[in-house]
């Protein structure tokens, strides 16, 4: 396990919004190896969310995953979504629940 792994500046706000929406949230950013940042649970379903924050960076939405994250997303045989804002995170979880 990696210690002192950095989080995106918007991650605390995203975690707070998810918890306010009735989700349980476990941060996974310290796992490393491209593992998504958050494990989110709601209504007996689990979701993986990768948090991205473009503030002050020159990303476009097509160029934001590290090579380790690209590999993880490619090899992972379950759900994983990328979120940028608290509102988007809550919306993604609710959308996924509708399809469950």
Protein backbone atom coordinates (compact mmCIF):
# COMPACT_ATOMS: atom_id res chain seq x y z
CA UNK A 1 0.00 0.00 0.00
CA UNK A 2 1.23 3.50 -0.78
CA UNK A 3 1.22 6.07 1.97
CA UNK A 4 0.87 9.79 1.43
CA UNK A 5 -0.83 9.36 -1.95
CA UNK A 6 -2.22 12.69 -3.12
CA UNK A 7 -5.89 13.26 -3.71
CA UNK A 8 -7.48 15.59 -6.22
CA UNK A 9 -8.56 18.89 -4.67
CA UNK A 10 -12.21 18.18 -5.40
CA UNK A 11 -12.25 14.71 -3.77
CA UNK A 12 -13.36 15.90 -0.28
CA UNK A 13 -16.32 17.78 -1.81
CA UNK A 14 -17.24 14.74 -3.91
CA UNK A 15 -17.08 12.45 -0.86
CA UNK A 16 -19.22 14.89 1.16
CA UNK A 17 -21.84 15.11 -1.62
CA UNK A 18 -22.02 11.33 -1.98
CA UNK A 19 -22.42 10.87 1.77
CA UNK A 20 -25.12 13.58 1.87
CA UNK A 21 -26.92 11.61 -0.88
CA UNK A 22 -27.00 8.53 1.37
CA UNK A 23 -23.93 6.72 0.05
CA UNK A 24 -21.19 5.05 2.03
CA UNK A 25 -17.75 5.99 0.71
CA UNK A 26 -14.32 4.42 1.19
CA UNK A 27 -11.35 6.29 -0.30
CA UNK A 28 -9.03 3.97 -2.25
CA UNK A 29 -6.50 6.53 -3.57
CA UNK A 30 -3.68 5.02 -1.46
CA UNK A 31 -4.01 1.59 -3.11
CA UNK A 32 -2.13 2.70 -6.21
CA UNK A 33 -1.60 0.58 -9.33
CA UNK A 34 -4.29 2.59 -11.14
CA UNK A 35 -7.06 1.63 -8.70
CA UNK A 36 -9.94 4.14 -8.78
CA UNK A 37 -10.15 6.72 -6.00
CA UNK A 38 -13.47 5.84 -4.36
CA UNK A 39 -15.53 2.78 -3.49
CA UNK A 40 -19.13 3.93 -3.18
CA UNK A 41 -22.02 1.90 -1.81
CA UNK A 42 -25.74 2.58 -1.96
CA UNK A 43 -28.79 0.30 -1.76
CA UNK A 44 -26.61 -2.83 -1.54
CA UNK A 45 -24.73 -1.94 -4.74
CA UNK A 46 -21.05 -0.97 -5.07
CA UNK A 47 -19.49 1.46 -7.52
CA UNK A 48 -15.94 2.49 -8.36
CA UNK A 49 -15.32 6.16 -9.13
CA UNK A 50 -12.15 7.75 -10.45
CA UNK A 51 -11.98 11.41 -9.37
CA UNK A 52 -10.47 13.94 -11.76
CA UNK A 53 -9.97 17.67 -11.26
CA UNK A 54 -9.00 19.74 -14.27
CA UNK A 55 -8.53 22.92 -12.22
CA UNK A 56 -5.25 24.49 -13.21
CA UNK A 57 -4.35 21.66 -15.57
CA UNK A 58 -4.46 21.38 -19.32
CA UNK A 59 -6.60 18.26 -19.64
CA UNK A 60 -9.30 17.56 -22.07
CA UNK A 61 -11.76 14.85 -21.10
CA UNK A 62 -10.05 12.49 -23.53
CA UNK A 63 -6.58 12.80 -21.98
CA UNK A 64 -6.65 12.43 -18.22
CA UNK A 65 -5.83 8.90 -17.09
CA UNK A 66 -2.31 7.92 -16.09
CA UNK A 67 -0.87 4.84 -17.81
CA UNK A 68 -1.58 2.77 -14.66
CA UNK A 69 -5.19 4.02 -14.60
CA UNK A 70 -5.61 3.25 -18.31
CA UNK A 71 -4.40 -0.30 -17.70
CA UNK A 72 -6.66 -0.76 -14.67
CA UNK A 73 -9.74 0.53 -16.55
CA UNK A 74 -8.94 -1.69 -19.54
CA UNK A 75 -8.44 -4.86 -17.48
CA UNK A 76 -11.21 -4.30 -14.90
CA UNK A 77 -14.22 -6.48 -15.72
CA UNK A 78 -16.67 -4.46 -13.68
CA UNK A 79 -18.01 -0.93 -13.51
CA UNK A 80 -15.74 2.09 -13.12
CA UNK A 81 -16.70 5.68 -13.92
CA UNK A 82 -14.79 8.95 -14.01
CA UNK A 83 -16.27 11.98 -12.24
CA UNK A 84 -15.21 15.61 -12.15
CA UNK A 85 -17.69 17.33 -9.82
CA UNK A 86 -19.77 16.49 -6.73
CA UNK A 87 -22.97 16.83 -8.75
CA UNK A 88 -21.66 14.51 -11.44
CA UNK A 89 -20.63 11.89 -8.86
CA UNK A 90 -24.11 11.80 -7.29
CA UNK A 91 -25.72 11.76 -10.74
CA UNK A 92 -23.54 8.85 -11.90
CA UNK A 93 -24.38 6.77 -8.81
CA UNK A 94 -28.10 7.46 -9.20
CA UNK A 95 -27.95 6.65 -12.92
CA UNK A 96 -26.14 3.39 -12.22
CA UNK A 97 -28.75 2.48 -9.58
CA UNK A 98 -31.55 3.03 -12.11
CA UNK A 99 -29.92 0.52 -14.45
CA UNK A 100 -29.22 -2.03 -11.70
